[in-house]
């Protein structure tokens, strides 16, 4: 979820909402107030969604850190096609 894309989409949706509200109510003040309320609700929804995504990622990382990582000898790695995570976490792992 990219913020610039969200803001452009939000402006488009708010414009459509404002036009529709103005045609339905005929009141410029009512349209402005309702559009402002709609904008705040959209921002709250965006914030809650980002919080949920961060929480989900943190939960996944915590789950992965609790799992035991087994280190296999280099010969077994080549034969089985597996690469240990500890080997990848070393600096310049592509040189070894």
PDB file of N, CA and C in Angstrom:
ATOM      1  N   UNK A   1       0.857  -1.164   0.000  1.00  0.00           N
ATOM      2  CA  UNK A   1       0.000   0.000   0.000  1.00  0.00           C
ATOM      3  C   UNK A   1       0.906   1.231   0.000  1.00  0.00           C
ATOM      4  N   UNK A   2       0.983   1.920  -1.130  1.00  0.00           N
ATOM      5  CA  UNK A   2       1.838   3.084  -1.266  1.00  0.00           C
ATOM      6  C   UNK A   2       1.042   4.344  -0.954  1.00  0.00           C
ATOM      7  N   UNK A   3       1.634   5.222  -0.167  1.00  0.00           N
ATOM      8  CA  UNK A   3       0.951   6.440   0.265  1.00  0.00           C
ATOM      9  C   UNK A   3       0.584   7.354  -0.903  1.00  0.00           C
ATOM     10  N   UNK A   4       1.475   7.630  -1.865  1.00  0.00           N
ATOM     11  CA  UNK A   4       1.073   8.528  -2.965  1.00  0.00           C
ATOM     12  C   UNK A   4      -0.125   7.996  -3.757  1.00  0.00           C
ATOM     13  N   UNK A   5      -0.124   6.707  -4.015  1.00  0.00           N
ATOM     14  CA  UNK A   5      -1.242   6.114  -4.743  1.00  0.00           C
ATOM     15  C   UNK A   5      -2.532   6.237  -3.923  1.00  0.00           C
ATOM     16  N   UNK A   6      -2.411   6.034  -2.619  1.00  0.00           N
ATOM     17  CA  UNK A   6      -3.573   6.152  -1.757  1.00  0.00           C
ATOM     18  C   UNK A   6      -4.116   7.578  -1.769  1.00  0.00           C
ATOM     19  N   UNK A   7      -3.221   8.572  -1.680  1.00  0.00           N
ATOM     20  CA  UNK A   7      -3.682   9.959  -1.632  1.00  0.00           C
ATOM     21  C   UNK A   7      -4.340  10.391  -2.943  1.00  0.00           C
ATOM     22  N   UNK A   8      -3.793   9.958  -4.072  1.00  0.00           N
ATOM     23  CA  UNK A   8      -4.416  10.283  -5.360  1.00  0.00           C
ATOM     24  C   UNK A   8      -5.787   9.628  -5.449  1.00  0.00           C
ATOM     25  N   UNK A   9      -5.880   8.373  -5.032  1.00  0.00           N
ATOM     26  CA  UNK A   9      -7.165   7.677  -5.040  1.00  0.00           C
ATOM     27  C   UNK A   9      -8.142   8.325  -4.069  1.00  0.00           C
ATOM     28  N   UNK A  10      -7.623   8.755  -2.917  1.00  0.00           N
ATOM     29  CA  UNK A  10      -8.482   9.399  -1.928  1.00  0.00           C
ATOM     30  C   UNK A  10      -9.031  10.718  -2.462  1.00  0.00           C
ATOM     31  N   UNK A  11      -8.205  11.495  -3.130  1.00  0.00           N
ATOM     32  CA  UNK A  11      -8.670  12.764  -3.692  1.00  0.00           C
ATOM     33  C   UNK A  11      -9.736  12.520  -4.749  1.00  0.00           C
ATOM     34  N   UNK A  12      -9.525  11.499  -5.586  1.00  0.00           N
ATOM     35  CA  UNK A  12     -10.535  11.159  -6.591  1.00  0.00           C
ATOM     36  C   UNK A  12     -11.851  10.730  -5.962  1.00  0.00           C
ATOM     37  N   UNK A  13     -11.755   9.890  -4.939  1.00  0.00           N
ATOM     38  CA  UNK A  13     -12.973   9.422  -4.265  1.00  0.00           C
ATOM     39  C   UNK A  13     -13.677  10.565  -3.541  1.00  0.00           C
ATOM     40  N   UNK A  14     -12.918  11.440  -2.914  1.00  0.00           N
ATOM     41  CA  UNK A  14     -13.524  12.574  -2.222  1.00  0.00           C
ATOM     42  C   UNK A  14     -14.170  13.550  -3.198  1.00  0.00           C
ATOM     43  N   UNK A  15     -13.564  13.725  -4.361  1.00  0.00           N
ATOM     44  CA  UNK A  15     -14.162  14.596  -5.379  1.00  0.00           C
ATOM     45  C   UNK A  15     -15.487  14.020  -5.855  1.00  0.00           C
ATOM     46  N   UNK A  16     -15.493  12.719  -6.143  1.00  0.00           N
ATOM     47  CA  UNK A  16     -16.737  12.075  -6.571  1.00  0.00           C
ATOM     48  C   UNK A  16     -17.784  12.149  -5.466  1.00  0.00           C
ATOM     49  N   UNK A  17     -17.358  11.934  -4.220  1.00  0.00           N
ATOM     50  CA  UNK A  17     -18.268  12.021  -3.086  1.00  0.00           C
ATOM     51  C   UNK A  17     -18.836  13.434  -2.952  1.00  0.00           C
ATOM     52  N   UNK A  18     -17.977  14.444  -3.095  1.00  0.00           N
ATOM     53  CA  UNK A  18     -18.425  15.837  -2.957  1.00  0.00           C
ATOM     54  C   UNK A  18     -19.410  16.212  -4.055  1.00  0.00           C
ATOM     55  N   UNK A  19     -19.125  15.800  -5.279  1.00  0.00           N
ATOM     56  CA  UNK A  19     -20.037  16.115  -6.398  1.00  0.00           C
ATOM     57  C   UNK A  19     -21.385  15.447  -6.171  1.00  0.00           C
ATOM     58  N   UNK A  20     -21.363  14.169  -5.813  1.00  0.00           N
ATOM     59  CA  UNK A  20     -22.624  13.451  -5.583  1.00  0.00           C
ATOM     60  C   UNK A  20     -23.397  14.046  -4.408  1.00  0.00           C
ATOM     61  N   UNK A  21     -22.682  14.386  -3.345  1.00  0.00           N
ATOM     62  CA  UNK A  21     -23.344  14.969  -2.172  1.00  0.00           C
ATOM     63  C   UNK A  21     -23.954  16.328  -2.507  1.00  0.00           C
ATOM     64  N   UNK A  22     -23.244  17.122  -3.299  1.00  0.00           N
ATOM     65  CA  UNK A  22     -23.761  18.437  -3.663  1.00  0.00           C
ATOM     66  C   UNK A  22     -25.027  18.312  -4.515  1.00  0.00           C
ATOM     67  N   UNK A  23     -25.006  17.368  -5.474  1.00  0.00           N
ATOM     68  CA  UNK A  23     -26.202  17.181  -6.317  1.00  0.00           C
ATOM     69  C   UNK A  23     -27.383  16.650  -5.503  1.00  0.00           C
ATOM     70  N   UNK A  24     -27.111  15.832  -4.507  1.00  0.00           N
ATOM     71  CA  UNK A  24     -28.195  15.283  -3.690  1.00  0.00           C
ATOM     72  C   UNK A  24     -28.738  16.290  -2.680  1.00  0.00           C
ATOM     73  N   UNK A  25     -27.840  17.077  -2.072  1.00  0.00           N
ATOM     74  CA  UNK A  25     -28.298  17.984  -1.023  1.00  0.00           C
ATOM     75  C   UNK A  25     -28.496  19.417  -1.508  1.00  0.00           C
ATOM     76  N   UNK A  26     -27.717  19.847  -2.471  1.00  0.00           N
ATOM     77  CA  UNK A  26     -27.815  21.214  -2.978  1.00  0.00           C
ATOM     78  C   UNK A  26     -27.194  22.240  -2.046  1.00  0.00           C
ATOM     79  N   UNK A  27     -26.574  21.793  -0.973  1.00  0.00           N
ATOM     80  CA  UNK A  27     -25.994  22.704   0.006  1.00  0.00           C
ATOM     81  C   UNK A  27     -24.470  22.596  -0.027  1.00  0.00           C
ATOM     82  N   UNK A  28     -23.803  23.719  -0.252  1.00  0.00           N
ATOM     83  CA  UNK A  28     -22.348  23.722  -0.297  1.00  0.00           C
ATOM     84  C   UNK A  28     -21.746  23.473   1.099  1.00  0.00           C
ATOM     85  N   UNK A  29     -22.355  24.035   2.128  1.00  0.00           N
ATOM     86  CA  UNK A  29     -21.853  23.848   3.492  1.00  0.00           C
ATOM     87  C   UNK A  29     -22.001  22.396   3.930  1.00  0.00           C
ATOM     88  N   UNK A  30     -23.139  21.795   3.670  1.00  0.00           N
ATOM     89  CA  UNK A  30     -23.359  20.395   4.026  1.00  0.00           C
ATOM     90  C   UNK A  30     -22.395  19.491   3.269  1.00  0.00           C
ATOM     91  N   UNK A  31     -22.163  19.804   2.001  1.00  0.00           N
ATOM     92  CA  UNK A  31     -21.233  19.019   1.190  1.00  0.00           C
ATOM     93  C   UNK A  31     -19.825  19.101   1.763  1.00  0.00           C
ATOM     94  N   UNK A  32     -19.390  20.291   2.159  1.00  0.00           N
ATOM     95  CA  UNK A  32     -18.044  20.458   2.710  1.00  0.00           C
ATOM     96  C   UNK A  32     -17.886  19.685   4.016  1.00  0.00           C
ATOM     97  N   UNK A  33     -18.865  19.758   4.880  1.00  0.00           N
ATOM     98  CA  UNK A  33     -18.794  19.060   6.166  1.00  0.00           C
ATOM     99  C   UNK A  33     -18.785  17.546   5.964  1.00  0.00           C
ATOM    100  N   UNK A  34     -19.678  17.051   5.116  1.00  0.00           N
ATOM    101  CA  UNK A  34     -19.741  15.605   4.881  1.00  0.00           C
ATOM    102  C   UNK A  34     -18.479  15.098   4.193  1.00  0.00           C
ATOM    103  N   UNK A  35     -17.910  15.889   3.288  1.00  0.00           N
ATOM    104  CA  UNK A  35     -16.674  15.488   2.613  1.00  0.00           C
ATOM    105  C   UNK A  35     -15.512  15.469   3.598  1.00  0.00           C
ATOM    106  N   UNK A  36     -15.476  16.427   4.501  1.00  0.00           N
ATOM    107  CA  UNK A  36     -14.435  16.443   5.529  1.00  0.00           C
ATOM    108  C   UNK A  36     -14.549  15.216   6.439  1.00  0.00           C
ATOM    109  N   UNK A  37     -15.755  14.878   6.831  1.00  0.00           N
ATOM    110  CA  UNK A  37     -15.968  13.675   7.660  1.00  0.00           C
ATOM    111  C   UNK A  37     -15.533  12.421   6.897  1.00  0.00           C
ATOM    112  N   UNK A  38     -15.863  12.361   5.628  1.00  0.00           N
ATOM    113  CA  UNK A  38     -15.467  11.218   4.797  1.00  0.00           C
ATOM    114  C   UNK A  38     -13.944  11.129   4.696  1.00  0.00           C
ATOM    115  N   UNK A  39     -13.265  12.273   4.548  1.00  0.00           N
ATOM    116  CA  UNK A  39     -11.798  12.281   4.467  1.00  0.00           C
ATOM    117  C   UNK A  39     -11.169  11.778   5.764  1.00  0.00           C
ATOM    118  N   UNK A  40     -11.713  12.201   6.892  1.00  0.00           N
ATOM    119  CA  UNK A  40     -11.185  11.744   8.183  1.00  0.00           C
ATOM    120  C   UNK A  40     -11.392  10.237   8.337  1.00  0.00           C
ATOM    121  N   UNK A  41     -12.557   9.743   7.967  1.00  0.00           N
ATOM    122  CA  UNK A  41     -12.811   8.300   8.063  1.00  0.00           C
ATOM    123  C   UNK A  41     -11.879   7.506   7.149  1.00  0.00           C
ATOM    124  N   UNK A  42     -11.590   8.033   5.979  1.00  0.00           N
ATOM    125  CA  UNK A  42     -10.659   7.342   5.068  1.00  0.00           C
ATOM    126  C   UNK A  42      -9.249   7.318   5.659  1.00  0.00           C
ATOM    127  N   UNK A  43      -8.825   8.401   6.270  1.00  0.00           N
ATOM    128  CA  UNK A  43      -7.499   8.444   6.897  1.00  0.00           C
ATOM    129  C   UNK A  43      -7.415   7.468   8.071  1.00  0.00           C
ATOM    130  N   UNK A  44      -8.465   7.407   8.862  1.00  0.00           N
ATOM    131  CA  UNK A  44      -8.492   6.456   9.979  1.00  0.00           C
ATOM    132  C   UNK A  44      -8.412   5.026   9.446  1.00  0.00           C
ATOM    133  N   UNK A  45      -9.142   4.739   8.387  1.00  0.00           N
ATOM    134  CA  UNK A  45      -9.086   3.410   7.779  1.00  0.00           C
ATOM    135  C   UNK A  45      -7.699   3.086   7.251  1.00  0.00           C
ATOM    136  N   UNK A  46      -7.048   4.045   6.621  1.00  0.00           N
ATOM    137  CA  UNK A  46      -5.686   3.842   6.108  1.00  0.00           C
ATOM    138  C   UNK A  46      -4.730   3.578   7.272  1.00  0.00           C
ATOM    139  N   UNK A  47      -4.837   4.366   8.339  1.00  0.00           N
ATOM    140  CA  UNK A  47      -3.967   4.206   9.502  1.00  0.00           C
ATOM    141  C   UNK A  47      -4.155   2.829  10.139  1.00  0.00           C
ATOM    142  N   UNK A  48      -5.398   2.411  10.312  1.00  0.00           N
ATOM    143  CA  UNK A  48      -5.681   1.098  10.907  1.00  0.00           C
ATOM    144  C   UNK A  48      -5.136  -0.021  10.015  1.00  0.00           C
ATOM    145  N   UNK A  49      -5.261   0.126   8.711  1.00  0.00           N
ATOM    146  CA  UNK A  49      -4.739  -0.879   7.788  1.00  0.00           C
ATOM    147  C   UNK A  49      -3.229  -0.988   7.881  1.00  0.00           C
ATOM    148  N   UNK A  50      -2.533   0.144   7.934  1.00  0.00           N
ATOM    149  CA  UNK A  50      -1.074   0.120   8.066  1.00  0.00           C
ATOM    150  C   UNK A  50      -0.671  -0.500   9.403  1.00  0.00           C
ATOM    151  N   UNK A  51      -1.371  -0.153  10.477  1.00  0.00           N
ATOM    152  CA  UNK A  51      -1.080  -0.775  11.771  1.00  0.00           C
ATOM    153  C   UNK A  51      -1.264  -2.290  11.715  1.00  0.00           C
ATOM    154  N   UNK A  52      -2.317  -2.738  11.054  1.00  0.00           N
ATOM    155  CA  UNK A  52      -2.556  -4.176  10.928  1.00  0.00           C
ATOM    156  C   UNK A  52      -1.427  -4.849  10.156  1.00  0.00           C
ATOM    157  N   UNK A  53      -0.970  -4.236   9.064  1.00  0.00           N
ATOM    158  CA  UNK A  53       0.110  -4.833   8.271  1.00  0.00           C
ATOM    159  C   UNK A  53       1.416  -4.890   9.067  1.00  0.00           C
ATOM    160  N   UNK A  54       1.711  -3.854   9.838  1.00  0.00           N
ATOM    161  CA  UNK A  54       2.915  -3.858  10.670  1.00  0.00           C
ATOM    162  C   UNK A  54       2.798  -4.924  11.749  1.00  0.00           C
ATOM    163  N   UNK A  55       1.641  -5.031  12.377  1.00  0.00           N
ATOM    164  CA  UNK A  55       1.436  -6.042  13.408  1.00  0.00           C
ATOM    165  C   UNK A  55       1.602  -7.448  12.837  1.00  0.00           C
ATOM    166  N   UNK A  56       1.039  -7.682  11.662  1.00  0.00           N
ATOM    167  CA  UNK A  56       1.118  -8.995  11.036  1.00  0.00           C
ATOM    168  C   UNK A  56       2.566  -9.351  10.695  1.00  0.00           C
ATOM    169  N   UNK A  57       3.327  -8.390  10.183  1.00  0.00           N
ATOM    170  CA  UNK A  57       4.728  -8.633   9.851  1.00  0.00           C
ATOM    171  C   UNK A  57       5.543  -8.899  11.113  1.00  0.00           C
ATOM    172  N   UNK A  58       5.300  -8.145  12.174  1.00  0.00           N
ATOM    173  CA  UNK A  58       6.020  -8.364  13.434  1.00  0.00           C
ATOM    174  C   UNK A  58       5.701  -9.732  14.002  1.00  0.00           C
ATOM    175  N   UNK A  59       4.443 -10.139  13.912  1.00  0.00           N
ATOM    176  CA  UNK A  59       4.055 -11.458  14.406  1.00  0.00           C
ATOM    177  C   UNK A  59       4.755 -12.556  13.610  1.00  0.00           C
ATOM    178  N   UNK A  60       4.851 -12.387  12.303  1.00  0.00           N
ATOM    179  CA  UNK A  60       5.515 -13.377  11.448  1.00  0.00           C
ATOM    180  C   UNK A  60       7.012 -13.441  11.751  1.00  0.00           C
ATOM    181  N   UNK A  61       7.631 -12.297  11.933  1.00  0.00           N
ATOM    182  CA  UNK A  61       9.056 -12.291  12.259  1.00  0.00           C
ATOM    183  C   UNK A  61       9.317 -12.921  13.619  1.00  0.00           C
ATOM    184  N   UNK A  62       8.445 -12.647  14.580  1.00  0.00           N
ATOM    185  CA  UNK A  62       8.596 -13.231  15.905  1.00  0.00           C
ATOM    186  C   UNK A  62       8.446 -14.752  15.832  1.00  0.00           C
ATOM    187  N   UNK A  63       7.504 -15.214  15.022  1.00  0.00           N
ATOM    188  CA  UNK A  63       7.301 -16.649  14.863  1.00  0.00           C
ATOM    189  C   UNK A  63       8.514 -17.294  14.209  1.00  0.00           C
ATOM    190  N   UNK A  64       9.092 -16.619  13.214  1.00  0.00           N
ATOM    191  CA  UNK A  64      10.258 -17.168  12.528  1.00  0.00           C
ATOM    192  C   UNK A  64      11.483 -17.182  13.441  1.00  0.00           C
ATOM    193  N   UNK A  65      11.615 -16.183  14.310  1.00  0.00           N
ATOM    194  CA  UNK A  65      12.781 -16.144  15.195  1.00  0.00           C
ATOM    195  C   UNK A  65      12.702 -17.216  16.274  1.00  0.00           C
ATOM    196  N   UNK A  66      11.497 -17.675  16.595  1.00  0.00           N
ATOM    197  CA  UNK A  66      11.353 -18.704  17.612  1.00  0.00           C
ATOM    198  C   UNK A  66      11.628 -20.108  17.077  1.00  0.00           C
ATOM    199  N   UNK A  67      11.558 -20.240  15.771  1.00  0.00           N
ATOM    200  CA  UNK A  67      11.831 -21.556  15.186  1.00  0.00           C
ATOM    201  C   UNK A  67      13.331 -21.816  15.230  1.00  0.00           C
ATOM    202  N   UNK A  68      13.674 -23.049  15.456  1.00  0.00           N
ATOM    203  CA  UNK A  68      15.082 -23.417  15.525  1.00  0.00           C
ATOM    204  C   UNK A  68      15.625 -23.560  14.113  1.00  0.00           C
ATOM    205  N   UNK A  69      16.728 -22.872  13.857  1.00  0.00           N
ATOM    206  CA  UNK A  69      17.369 -22.938  12.548  1.00  0.00           C
ATOM    207  C   UNK A  69      18.480 -23.965  12.634  1.00  0.00           C
ATOM    208  N   UNK A  70      18.423 -24.951  11.766  1.00  0.00           N
ATOM    209  CA  UNK A  70      19.460 -25.981  11.751  1.00  0.00           C
ATOM    210  C   UNK A  70      20.501 -25.625  10.710  1.00  0.00           C
ATOM    211  N   UNK A  71      21.740 -25.829  11.064  1.00  0.00           N
ATOM    212  CA  UNK A  71      22.845 -25.554  10.157  1.00  0.00           C
ATOM    213  C   UNK A  71      23.338 -26.886   9.626  1.00  0.00           C
ATOM    214  N   UNK A  72      23.366 -27.003   8.323  1.00  0.00           N
ATOM    215  CA  UNK A  72      23.824 -28.230   7.687  1.00  0.00           C
ATOM    216  C   UNK A  72      25.229 -28.012   7.141  1.00  0.00           C
ATOM    217  N   UNK A  73      26.009 -29.054   7.024  1.00  0.00           N
ATOM    218  CA  UNK A  73      27.334 -28.931   6.427  1.00  0.00           C
ATOM    219  C   UNK A  73      27.229 -28.447   4.981  1.00  0.00           C
ATOM    220  N   UNK A  74      28.302 -27.848   4.487  1.00  0.00           N
ATOM    221  CA  UNK A  74      28.296 -27.265   3.147  1.00  0.00           C
ATOM    222  C   UNK A  74      28.034 -28.310   2.074  1.00  0.00           C
ATOM    223  N   UNK A  75      28.559 -29.524   2.230  1.00  0.00           N
ATOM    224  CA  UNK A  75      28.345 -30.552   1.218  1.00  0.00           C
ATOM    225  C   UNK A  75      26.881 -30.946   1.129  1.00  0.00           C
ATOM    226  N   UNK A  76      26.223 -31.048   2.280  1.00  0.00           N
ATOM    227  CA  UNK A  76      24.806 -31.393   2.285  1.00  0.00           C
ATOM    228  C   UNK A  76      23.972 -30.287   1.654  1.00  0.00           C
ATOM    229  N   UNK A  77      24.409 -29.039   1.828  1.00  0.00           N
ATOM    230  CA  UNK A  77      23.680 -27.923   1.231  1.00  0.00           C
ATOM    231  C   UNK A  77      23.699 -28.021  -0.287  1.00  0.00           C
ATOM    232  N   UNK A  78      24.860 -28.352  -0.819  1.00  0.00           N
ATOM    233  CA  UNK A  78      24.972 -28.436  -2.273  1.00  0.00           C
ATOM    234  C   UNK A  78      24.159 -29.600  -2.822  1.00  0.00           C
ATOM    235  N   UNK A  79      24.133 -30.718  -2.116  1.00  0.00           N
ATOM    236  CA  UNK A  79      23.418 -31.883  -2.606  1.00  0.00           C
ATOM    237  C   UNK A  79      21.910 -31.727  -2.470  1.00  0.00           C
ATOM    238  N   UNK A  80      21.460 -31.146  -1.372  1.00  0.00           N
ATOM    239  CA  UNK A  80      20.024 -31.055  -1.137  1.00  0.00           C
ATOM    240  C   UNK A  80      19.410 -29.795  -1.731  1.00  0.00           C
ATOM    241  N   UNK A  81      20.240 -28.825  -2.115  1.00  0.00           N
ATOM    242  CA  UNK A  81      19.712 -27.579  -2.653  1.00  0.00           C
ATOM    243  C   UNK A  81      19.268 -26.604  -1.585  1.00  0.00           C
ATOM    244  N   UNK A  82      19.541 -26.914  -0.309  1.00  0.00           N
ATOM    245  CA  UNK A  82      19.152 -26.044   0.796  1.00  0.00           C
ATOM    246  C   UNK A  82      20.295 -25.105   1.149  1.00  0.00           C
ATOM    247  N   UNK A  83      19.936 -23.925   1.581  1.00  0.00           N
ATOM    248  CA  UNK A  83      20.921 -22.956   2.040  1.00  0.00           C
ATOM    249  C   UNK A  83      20.524 -22.565   3.449  1.00  0.00           C
ATOM    250  N   UNK A  84      21.479 -22.647   4.373  1.00  0.00           N
ATOM    251  CA  UNK A  84      21.144 -22.316   5.753  1.00  0.00           C
ATOM    252  C   UNK A  84      20.993 -20.811   5.908  1.00  0.00           C
ATOM    253  N   UNK A  85      20.112 -20.408   6.805  1.00  0.00           N
ATOM    254  CA  UNK A  85      19.881 -18.989   7.036  1.00  0.00           C
ATOM    255  C   UNK A  85      21.078 -18.337   7.699  1.00  0.00           C
ATOM    256  N   UNK A  86      21.777 -19.058   8.526  1.00  0.00           N
ATOM    257  CA  UNK A  86      22.945 -18.481   9.186  1.00  0.00           C
ATOM    258  C   UNK A  86      24.022 -18.130   8.177  1.00  0.00           C
ATOM    259  N   UNK A  87      24.165 -18.926   7.158  1.00  0.00           N
ATOM    260  CA  UNK A  87      25.157 -18.638   6.133  1.00  0.00           C
ATOM    261  C   UNK A  87      24.769 -17.376   5.370  1.00  0.00           C
ATOM    262  N   UNK A  88      23.491 -17.178   5.128  1.00  0.00           N
ATOM    263  CA  UNK A  88      23.048 -16.002   4.399  1.00  0.00           C
ATOM    264  C   UNK A  88      23.136 -14.735   5.238  1.00  0.00           C
ATOM    265  N   UNK A  89      23.112 -14.858   6.549  1.00  0.00           N
ATOM    266  CA  UNK A  89      23.143 -13.687   7.398  1.00  0.00           C
ATOM    267  C   UNK A  89      24.545 -13.131   7.619  1.00  0.00           C
ATOM    268  N   UNK A  90      25.566 -13.830   7.154  1.00  0.00           N
ATOM    269  CA  UNK A  90      26.923 -13.325   7.302  1.00  0.00           C
ATOM    270  C   UNK A  90      27.160 -12.203   6.298  1.00  0.00           C
ATOM    271  N   UNK A  91      28.006 -11.233   6.645  1.00  0.00           N
ATOM    272  CA  UNK A  91      28.367 -10.204   5.662  1.00  0.00           C
ATOM    273  C   UNK A  91      29.063 -10.834   4.464  1.00  0.00           C
ATOM    274  N   UNK A  92      28.779 -10.361   3.316  1.00  0.00           N
ATOM    275  CA  UNK A  92      29.360 -10.829   2.053  1.00  0.00           C
ATOM    276  C   UNK A  92      29.160 -12.325   1.860  1.00  0.00           C
ATOM    277  N   UNK A  93      27.953 -12.800   2.152  1.00  0.00           N
ATOM    278  CA  UNK A  93      27.658 -14.234   2.050  1.00  0.00           C
ATOM    279  C   UNK A  93      27.828 -14.756   0.636  1.00  0.00           C
ATOM    280  N   UNK A  94      27.764 -13.873  -0.360  1.00  0.00           N
ATOM    281  CA  UNK A  94      27.870 -14.342  -1.734  1.00  0.00           C
ATOM    282  C   UNK A  94      29.311 -14.670  -2.101  1.00  0.00           C
ATOM    283  N   UNK A  95      30.286 -14.258  -1.279  1.00  0.00           N
ATOM    284  CA  UNK A  95      31.688 -14.545  -1.572  1.00  0.00           C
ATOM    285  C   UNK A  95      32.144 -15.866  -0.992  1.00  0.00           C
ATOM    286  N   UNK A  96      31.383 -16.471  -0.122  1.00  0.00           N
ATOM    287  CA  UNK A  96      31.843 -17.711   0.518  1.00  0.00           C
ATOM    288  C   UNK A  96      31.228 -18.925  -0.109  1.00  0.00           C
TER     289      UNK A  96
END
